[in-house]
Amino acid sequence: MPARRATRPASAVKPAPFDAFAVAAPGLEGLVVEELAGLGIATAGAAEGGVEFTATAGQLYAANLRLRTASRVLVRLASFRVISFADLERKARRIPWERVVAKGQRVTLRVTCRKSRLYHSDAVGERLLRDLLQRAGVTGTVGPRAADDAPEGEGQDAQLVVVRLNHDQCTVSADSSGAHLHQRGYRTAVTPAPVRETLAAAMLLTSGWDHRSPLIDPFCGSGTVPIEAALLALELPPGRNRRFRFMDWPGFEAGTWRRVSATESDATAPPPPIIQGSDRSMAAINAATANAERAGVHGVVRLEKRDVADLVPPPDGPGWIVSNPPYGVRLGDAGETRRLLADFGALLRERFAGWHVCILTQDAGDRALGIPLRAALITTNGGLRVRMLQGIVPAMRR
């Protein structure tokens, strides 16, 4: 009788890697590439709207937990060419829904169709939802909005599936993040026109801040920039206070997650630098203080009510000024924006020579500030096209 071939136990079978895509706001794709490289994750390079990479479960979890500038992390389930609904229904049966959908779970499909023979997004979504219902017993809805355009709060109570039909090529992806990644869980107190956490982190990374020199935000609002700076300086994962959608997947590896999310304090690490935020509004400072407490960095960030005209450099400078000054619709008048920036620039030249500057502005802020700045990055904020301007304050001529 022939010897019986030994079989590996099911628990020892190595799970297939994930084909992932980190969604990013326009202009931030290069930063996401650098962040993934810092996590030891190889990528296919930046693409329009994000970064493709292949990940183990641990790397997928780490990307969600630690990426500071990505919006979401999608996992590609299938990609195939389709020219008819019969073709779609047949090929849908090969989509591995079981990787991301538990029986009875709610699903939201977001479908977009562009230059394809199947151009009716609702009809495409209904076919896929029918397949999900038959195979996984799910309930769900179909809508037209894509994952990277989804409003805040969407995806917290249902598995989001993103379907893109482009030139007859159908790509089906599952959102592994849940709520948008800029929702770190600390900013519940907000002020008008706040900068998103992902964009604040992008400003800090673009500025070249060394995490040791002082950092000041004189227009701090609800405190997003200084809080993100403190998280960076302390090397705290931005997503450590929230849940992720992958935690509800059937194959979620709880042990891997515990290993990935474990943080160790370094007793030999130097104390954090001066991180200071100020605003002329006491309501803004109250909001920033509450947010810093929730983020666990209240003891690191100095927050105070102060008019920008009273700003003075700390003794440990020079350092960095990273800020999102009011502009455009926030002030309601382009002339007022230019005057504010001109006054701010004069103050910087008088008191902050040698300091690095990185500001977000909608207009030609380099000319208004009177400081030689370059556009290090172009992106969007609140639907407006904005530039991150970066440079060093020159010494004032006598």
Protein backbone atom coordinates (compact mmCIF):
# COMPACT_ATOMS: atom_id res chain seq x y z
CA MET A 1 0.00 0.00 0.00
CA PRO A 2 1.59 3.31 -1.00
CA ALA A 3 2.67 5.67 1.73
CA ARG A 4 0.12 8.28 2.55
CA ARG A 5 1.20 11.80 1.62
CA ALA A 6 1.41 14.12 4.59
CA THR A 7 -0.85 17.12 4.40
CA ARG A 8 -0.32 20.47 6.02
CA PRO A 9 -2.89 21.40 8.65
CA ALA A 10 -5.32 24.08 7.49
CA SER A 11 -3.97 26.50 10.10
CA ALA A 12 -0.48 26.23 8.53
CA VAL A 13 -1.59 27.23 5.05
CA LYS A 14 -0.15 30.64 4.31
CA PRO A 15 -2.93 33.11 3.39
CA ALA A 16 -2.72 34.70 -0.03
CA PRO A 17 -1.31 38.24 -0.04
CA PHE A 18 -3.55 41.23 -0.61
CA ASP A 19 -3.37 43.39 -3.73
CA ALA A 20 -3.84 46.76 -2.08
CA PHE A 21 -4.26 50.37 -3.12
CA ALA A 22 -3.70 53.25 -0.71
CA VAL A 23 -6.02 56.05 -1.79
CA ALA A 24 -4.50 59.53 -1.52
CA ALA A 25 -5.63 63.09 -2.18
CA PRO A 26 -4.17 64.66 -5.35
CA GLY A 27 -0.51 65.48 -4.86
CA LEU A 28 -0.03 63.30 -1.77
CA GLU A 29 0.72 60.06 -3.60
CA GLY A 30 4.52 60.49 -3.33
CA LEU A 31 4.28 60.95 0.44
CA VAL A 32 2.31 57.70 0.73
CA VAL A 33 5.04 55.89 -1.26
CA GLU A 34 7.63 57.16 1.22
CA GLU A 35 5.49 56.18 4.20
CA LEU A 36 4.96 52.65 2.89
CA ALA A 37 8.70 52.31 2.27
CA GLY A 38 9.26 53.34 5.90
CA LEU A 39 7.01 50.45 6.92
CA GLY A 40 9.07 48.05 4.83
CA ILE A 41 6.34 47.69 2.20
CA ALA A 42 7.42 47.69 -1.45
CA THR A 43 5.15 49.51 -3.91
CA ALA A 44 4.62 49.75 -7.63
CA GLY A 45 5.17 53.51 -7.32
CA ALA A 46 2.75 56.40 -7.23
CA ALA A 47 -0.27 56.38 -9.52
CA GLU A 48 -3.04 58.90 -10.02
CA GLY A 49 -5.10 58.88 -6.84
CA GLY A 50 -2.95 56.55 -4.78
CA VAL A 51 -0.32 53.82 -4.52
CA GLU A 52 -0.48 50.13 -5.43
CA PHE A 53 1.25 47.57 -3.23
CA THR A 54 1.13 43.91 -2.27
CA ALA A 55 0.72 43.18 1.44
CA THR A 56 0.58 40.38 3.94
CA ALA A 57 -2.18 40.63 6.55
CA GLY A 58 0.27 42.24 8.96
CA GLN A 59 1.37 44.80 6.38
CA LEU A 60 -2.24 45.62 5.50
CA TYR A 61 -3.02 46.17 9.18
CA ALA A 62 0.12 48.28 9.63
CA ALA A 63 -0.70 50.44 6.61
CA ASN A 64 -4.12 51.28 8.04
CA LEU A 65 -2.74 51.87 11.52
CA ARG A 66 0.34 53.93 10.64
CA LEU A 67 -0.15 55.75 7.33
CA ARG A 68 -0.55 59.45 8.07
CA THR A 69 -1.33 60.82 4.60
CA ALA A 70 -3.47 58.11 2.95
CA SER A 71 -7.26 58.40 2.80
CA ARG A 72 -8.20 54.72 2.65
CA VAL A 73 -6.65 51.35 1.92
CA LEU A 74 -8.57 49.30 -0.63
CA VAL A 75 -8.02 45.61 -1.36
CA ARG A 76 -8.53 44.44 -4.93
CA LEU A 77 -10.76 41.38 -5.05
CA ALA A 78 -10.98 40.92 -8.82
CA SER A 79 -10.28 42.55 -12.15
CA PHE A 80 -11.76 41.30 -15.42
CA ARG A 81 -12.98 42.46 -18.80
CA VAL A 82 -16.76 42.53 -19.21
CA ILE A 83 -18.95 43.48 -22.18
CA SER A 84 -22.41 42.22 -21.19
CA PHE A 85 -24.49 41.61 -18.09
CA ALA A 86 -24.35 37.86 -18.69
CA ASP A 87 -20.57 38.16 -18.78
CA LEU A 88 -20.62 40.18 -15.55
CA GLU A 89 -22.86 37.66 -13.75
CA ARG A 90 -20.65 34.75 -14.81
CA LYS A 91 -17.37 36.37 -13.78
CA ALA A 92 -18.82 37.74 -10.54
CA ARG A 93 -19.08 34.16 -9.29
CA ARG A 94 -15.28 34.06 -9.11
CA ILE A 95 -15.00 37.11 -6.82
CA PRO A 96 -13.70 35.91 -3.42
CA TRP A 97 -16.30 37.71 -1.31
CA GLU A 98 -15.54 35.31 1.53
CA ARG A 99 -12.26 37.14 2.25
CA VAL A 100 -14.00 40.36 3.27
CA VAL A 101 -17.69 39.68 3.92
CA ALA A 102 -19.12 37.65 6.79
CA LYS A 103 -22.51 36.00 6.36
CA GLY A 104 -25.32 38.46 7.02
CA GLN A 105 -23.07 41.52 6.97
CA ARG A 106 -24.33 44.75 5.40
CA VAL A 107 -22.56 45.91 2.24
CA THR A 108 -22.53 49.22 0.40
CA LEU A 109 -21.54 49.15 -3.27
CA ARG A 110 -20.17 52.28 -4.94
CA VAL A 111 -20.12 51.87 -8.71
CA THR A 112 -18.71 54.12 -11.42
CA CYS A 113 -18.83 53.35 -15.15
CA ARG A 114 -16.73 55.21 -17.70
CA LYS A 115 -16.40 54.56 -21.45
CA SER A 116 -17.76 51.03 -21.11
CA ARG A 117 -20.51 49.07 -22.80
CA LEU A 118 -22.07 48.55 -19.38
CA TYR A 119 -22.69 52.18 -18.55
CA HIS A 120 -25.56 51.96 -16.06
CA SER A 121 -23.90 51.94 -12.62
CA ASP A 122 -27.03 50.94 -10.70
CA ALA A 123 -27.62 47.94 -12.97
CA VAL A 124 -24.00 46.81 -12.53
CA GLY A 125 -24.30 47.16 -8.78
CA GLU A 126 -27.58 45.26 -8.65
CA ARG A 127 -26.01 42.26 -10.44
CA LEU A 128 -23.09 42.16 -8.04
CA LEU A 129 -25.38 42.61 -5.04
CA ARG A 130 -27.50 39.71 -6.26
CA ASP A 131 -24.39 37.53 -6.38
CA LEU A 132 -23.45 38.65 -2.86
CA LEU A 133 -26.93 37.83 -1.58
CA GLN A 134 -26.89 34.36 -3.10
CA ARG A 135 -23.39 33.44 -1.94
CA ALA A 136 -22.94 35.30 1.35
CA GLY A 137 -26.47 36.11 2.47
CA VAL A 138 -25.72 39.83 2.73
CA THR A 139 -28.00 42.83 2.64
CA GLY A 140 -26.84 46.02 1.01
CA THR A 141 -27.34 49.09 -1.09
CA VAL A 142 -25.96 50.45 -4.36
CA GLY A 143 -24.85 54.03 -4.84
CA PRO A 144 -22.78 56.04 -7.35
CA ARG A 145 -20.17 57.58 -5.06
CA ALA A 146 -16.58 56.33 -5.17
CA ALA A 147 -14.68 55.44 -1.99
CA ASP A 148 -12.24 58.34 -2.12
CA ASP A 149 -15.13 60.78 -2.46
CA ALA A 150 -17.23 59.32 0.31
CA PRO A 151 -18.34 61.70 3.05
CA GLU A 152 -17.11 61.48 6.61
CA GLY A 153 -18.72 58.74 8.61
CA GLU A 154 -19.54 56.53 5.64
CA GLY A 155 -18.28 52.96 5.90
CA GLN A 156 -18.51 52.69 9.67
CA ASP A 157 -21.50 50.35 9.73
CA ALA A 158 -21.17 48.48 6.42
CA GLN A 159 -18.50 46.90 4.26
CA LEU A 160 -17.79 49.29 1.40
CA VAL A 161 -17.15 47.67 -1.99
CA VAL A 162 -15.84 49.91 -4.78
CA VAL A 163 -16.56 48.90 -8.36
CA ARG A 164 -14.93 50.75 -11.26
CA LEU A 165 -15.79 49.98 -14.86
CA ASN A 166 -13.36 51.75 -17.19
CA HIS A 167 -13.07 50.91 -20.90
CA ASP A 168 -14.85 47.58 -20.21
CA GLN A 169 -12.36 46.61 -17.49
CA CYS A 170 -14.13 45.91 -14.20
CA THR A 171 -12.19 46.27 -10.96
CA VAL A 172 -13.81 45.23 -7.68
CA SER A 173 -12.20 46.38 -4.44
CA ALA A 174 -13.09 46.18 -0.75
CA ASP A 175 -12.36 48.98 1.69
CA SER A 176 -10.20 47.72 4.56
CA SER A 177 -10.28 50.98 6.54
CA GLY A 178 -13.91 51.68 7.40
CA ALA A 179 -14.14 55.34 8.33
CA HIS A 180 -11.85 57.63 6.35
CA LEU A 181 -8.28 57.39 7.68
CA HIS A 182 -8.17 61.09 8.53
CA GLN A 183 -10.68 60.29 11.27
CA ARG A 184 -8.11 59.43 13.94
CA GLY A 185 -10.68 59.50 16.73
CA TYR A 186 -9.41 62.56 18.60
CA ARG A 187 -10.92 65.51 16.74
CA THR A 188 -14.50 65.77 17.95
CA ALA A 189 -14.23 69.50 18.73
CA VAL A 190 -13.87 71.47 15.49
CA THR A 191 -13.60 75.06 14.32
CA PRO A 192 -14.68 76.56 10.98
CA ALA A 193 -12.75 75.27 7.92
CA PRO A 194 -10.46 72.80 9.74
CA VAL A 195 -7.60 71.17 7.86
CA ARG A 196 -7.91 67.39 7.61
CA GLU A 197 -5.53 65.31 9.70
CA THR A 198 -4.07 63.67 6.58
CA LEU A 199 -3.35 67.07 5.05
CA ALA A 200 -1.84 68.39 8.29
CA ALA A 201 0.46 65.36 8.37
CA ALA A 202 1.35 65.99 4.72
CA MET A 203 2.35 69.57 5.58
CA LEU A 204 4.60 68.35 8.39
CA LEU A 205 6.26 65.70 6.23
CA THR A 206 6.67 68.13 3.32
CA SER A 207 8.16 70.81 5.57
CA GLY A 208 11.14 68.64 6.41
CA TRP A 209 10.65 69.12 10.16
CA ASP A 210 13.32 67.14 12.04
CA HIS A 211 11.09 66.24 15.06
CA ARG A 212 13.68 67.82 17.38
CA SER A 213 13.47 71.55 16.68
CA PRO A 214 10.59 73.78 17.89
CA LEU A 215 7.44 73.83 15.80
CA ILE A 216 4.82 76.60 15.87
CA ASP A 217 1.37 76.92 14.32
CA PRO A 218 0.14 80.50 14.89
CA PHE A 219 -3.26 79.80 13.26
CA CYS A 220 -3.89 76.46 14.97
CA GLY A 221 -7.71 76.43 15.01
CA SER A 222 -8.80 73.10 16.49
CA GLY A 223 -5.16 72.05 16.88
CA THR A 224 -4.76 69.56 14.06
CA VAL A 225 -1.24 70.58 12.98
CA PRO A 226 0.34 70.63 16.46
CA ILE A 227 -1.44 67.41 17.46
CA GLU A 228 -0.22 65.63 14.32
CA ALA A 229 3.25 67.02 15.03
CA ALA A 230 3.18 65.55 18.53
CA LEU A 231 2.09 62.16 17.18
CA LEU A 232 5.03 62.30 14.76
CA ALA A 233 7.55 63.35 17.39
CA LEU A 234 6.41 60.62 19.78
CA GLU A 235 6.18 58.07 16.94
CA LEU A 236 2.61 57.26 17.91
CA PRO A 237 0.47 55.52 15.24
CA PRO A 238 -2.23 57.93 14.04
CA GLY A 239 -4.88 55.19 14.03
CA ARG A 240 -4.25 53.77 17.47
CA ASN A 241 -7.55 55.08 18.92
CA ARG A 242 -9.95 53.73 16.28
CA ARG A 243 -11.34 50.59 14.65
CA PHE A 244 -10.83 49.40 11.09
CA ARG A 245 -13.09 47.50 8.73
CA PHE A 246 -10.65 44.59 8.31
CA MET A 247 -11.35 43.68 11.96
CA ASP A 248 -14.76 42.39 10.83
CA TRP A 249 -13.41 40.23 7.98
CA PRO A 250 -13.81 36.45 8.32
CA GLY A 251 -10.05 35.89 8.08
CA PHE A 252 -9.04 38.61 10.53
CA GLU A 253 -5.86 37.53 12.33
CA ALA A 254 -6.27 38.79 15.88
CA GLY A 255 -2.79 37.67 16.92
CA THR A 256 -1.19 39.46 13.98
CA TRP A 257 -3.12 42.61 14.85
CA ARG A 258 -1.96 42.47 18.47
CA ARG A 259 1.63 42.23 17.28
CA VAL A 260 1.27 45.04 14.73
CA SER A 261 -0.55 47.40 17.08
CA ALA A 262 1.69 46.83 20.11
CA THR A 263 3.62 49.97 21.04
CA GLU A 264 6.72 50.06 23.19
CA SER A 265 7.90 53.15 25.02
CA ASP A 266 11.58 53.99 24.65
CA ALA A 267 12.96 55.19 27.98
CA THR A 268 16.11 56.44 26.24
CA ALA A 269 14.24 58.60 23.73
CA PRO A 270 14.94 62.34 24.04
CA PRO A 271 12.12 64.55 25.34
CA PRO A 272 9.82 65.91 22.63
CA PRO A 273 10.58 69.38 21.27
CA ILE A 274 8.51 72.52 21.82
CA ILE A 275 5.29 72.13 19.85
CA GLN A 276 3.20 75.25 20.10
CA GLY A 277 -0.20 76.21 18.76
CA SER A 278 -1.93 79.55 19.16
CA ASP A 279 -5.04 81.24 17.89
CA ARG A 280 -6.78 84.53 18.59
CA SER A 281 -10.03 82.66 19.30
CA MET A 282 -10.51 81.25 22.79
CA ALA A 283 -13.14 78.88 21.40
CA ALA A 284 -10.51 77.47 19.04
CA ILE A 285 -8.03 76.98 21.87
CA ASN A 286 -10.67 75.22 23.96
CA ALA A 287 -11.40 72.90 21.04
CA ALA A 288 -7.69 72.29 20.41
CA THR A 289 -7.10 71.52 24.10
CA ALA A 290 -9.95 68.99 24.19
CA ASN A 291 -8.65 67.34 21.00
CA ALA A 292 -5.08 67.16 22.34
CA GLU A 293 -6.36 65.46 25.50
CA ARG A 294 -8.24 62.85 23.46
CA ALA A 295 -5.13 62.28 21.32
CA GLY A 296 -3.05 61.70 24.44
CA VAL A 297 -0.59 64.52 23.66
CA HIS A 298 -1.91 67.30 25.90
CA GLY A 299 1.29 67.25 27.93
CA VAL A 300 3.39 67.73 24.79
CA VAL A 301 1.49 70.44 22.89
CA ARG A 302 1.43 74.00 24.24
CA LEU A 303 -1.80 75.75 23.31
CA GLU A 304 -2.63 79.36 24.08
CA LYS A 305 -4.85 82.24 23.01
CA ARG A 306 -2.60 84.73 21.23
CA ASP A 307 -2.91 87.17 18.36
CA VAL A 308 -0.42 86.49 15.61
CA ALA A 309 1.03 90.01 16.08
CA ASP A 310 2.18 88.94 19.56
CA LEU A 311 4.02 85.85 18.33
CA VAL A 312 7.62 85.54 19.56
CA PRO A 313 10.14 82.75 18.89
CA PRO A 314 10.98 80.33 21.73
CA PRO A 315 14.59 80.27 22.95
CA ASP A 316 15.40 76.89 21.40
CA GLY A 317 15.04 78.09 17.79
CA PRO A 318 15.33 78.38 14.95
CA GLY A 319 12.73 75.82 14.11
CA TRP A 320 9.70 75.38 11.89
CA ILE A 321 6.48 77.31 11.37
CA VAL A 322 3.84 75.04 9.82
CA SER A 323 0.37 76.51 9.45
CA ASN A 324 -2.85 76.81 7.51
CA PRO A 325 -3.58 80.56 7.61
CA PRO A 326 -7.11 81.77 6.77
CA TYR A 327 -7.62 82.29 3.05
CA GLY A 328 -10.27 82.47 0.35
CA VAL A 329 -13.79 81.76 1.54
CA ARG A 330 -12.63 81.61 5.16
CA LEU A 331 -12.03 85.38 5.04
CA GLY A 332 -14.48 86.15 2.26
CA ASP A 333 -12.19 88.69 0.61
CA ALA A 334 -9.02 88.18 -1.45
CA GLY A 335 -7.69 91.58 -0.40
CA GLU A 336 -8.07 90.70 3.26
CA THR A 337 -6.17 87.45 2.64
CA ARG A 338 -3.28 89.34 1.07
CA ARG A 339 -3.19 91.86 3.92
CA LEU A 340 -3.15 89.10 6.53
CA LEU A 341 -0.33 87.29 4.75
CA ALA A 342 1.62 90.53 4.22
CA ASP A 343 1.43 91.34 7.94
CA PHE A 344 2.37 87.76 8.81
CA GLY A 345 5.33 87.87 6.43
CA ALA A 346 6.58 91.14 7.92
CA LEU A 347 6.43 89.63 11.41
CA LEU A 348 8.34 86.54 10.26
CA ARG A 349 11.07 88.61 8.62
CA GLU A 350 11.40 90.75 11.75
CA ARG A 351 11.41 87.99 14.41
CA PHE A 352 11.93 84.59 12.80
CA ALA A 353 14.97 84.89 10.52
CA GLY A 354 16.42 81.45 9.77
CA TRP A 355 13.18 79.62 10.57
CA HIS A 356 11.69 77.13 8.12
CA VAL A 357 8.19 77.95 6.90
CA CYS A 358 5.53 75.69 5.38
CA ILE A 359 2.08 77.16 4.83
CA LEU A 360 -1.04 76.13 2.97
CA THR A 361 -2.56 78.80 0.78
CA GLN A 362 -5.00 79.11 -2.08
CA ASP A 363 -3.36 82.15 -3.65
CA ALA A 364 0.15 83.34 -4.47
CA GLY A 365 1.08 83.48 -0.81
CA ASP A 366 4.80 83.66 -1.56
CA ARG A 367 4.37 87.11 -3.08
CA ALA A 368 2.08 88.31 -0.30
CA LEU A 369 4.42 87.05 2.44
CA GLY A 370 7.48 88.67 0.89
CA ILE A 371 9.49 85.52 1.61
CA PRO A 372 11.09 83.35 -1.10
CA LEU A 373 8.98 80.20 -1.00
CA ARG A 374 8.53 77.38 -3.48
CA ALA A 375 5.41 75.33 -4.15
CA ALA A 376 6.49 71.99 -2.69
CA LEU A 377 3.11 70.36 -3.23
CA ILE A 378 -0.24 71.10 -4.89
CA THR A 379 -3.41 69.46 -3.62
CA THR A 380 -6.98 70.26 -2.55
CA ASN A 381 -8.49 71.34 0.75
CA GLY A 382 -12.22 71.64 1.24
CA GLY A 383 -12.73 71.44 -2.52
CA LEU A 384 -10.26 74.28 -3.19
CA ARG A 385 -6.99 73.90 -5.07
CA VAL A 386 -4.20 74.83 -2.65
CA ARG A 387 -0.41 74.92 -2.57
CA MET A 388 2.03 74.01 0.18
CA LEU A 389 4.66 76.74 0.15
CA GLN A 390 8.01 75.99 1.73
CA GLY A 391 11.15 77.99 2.41
CA ILE A 392 13.39 79.72 4.97
CA VAL A 393 12.80 83.19 6.39
CA PRO A 394 15.69 85.43 5.26
CA ALA A 395 17.48 87.79 7.60
CA MET A 396 15.92 91.26 7.65
CA ARG A 397 17.93 93.89 5.81
CA ARG A 398 19.05 96.79 7.95
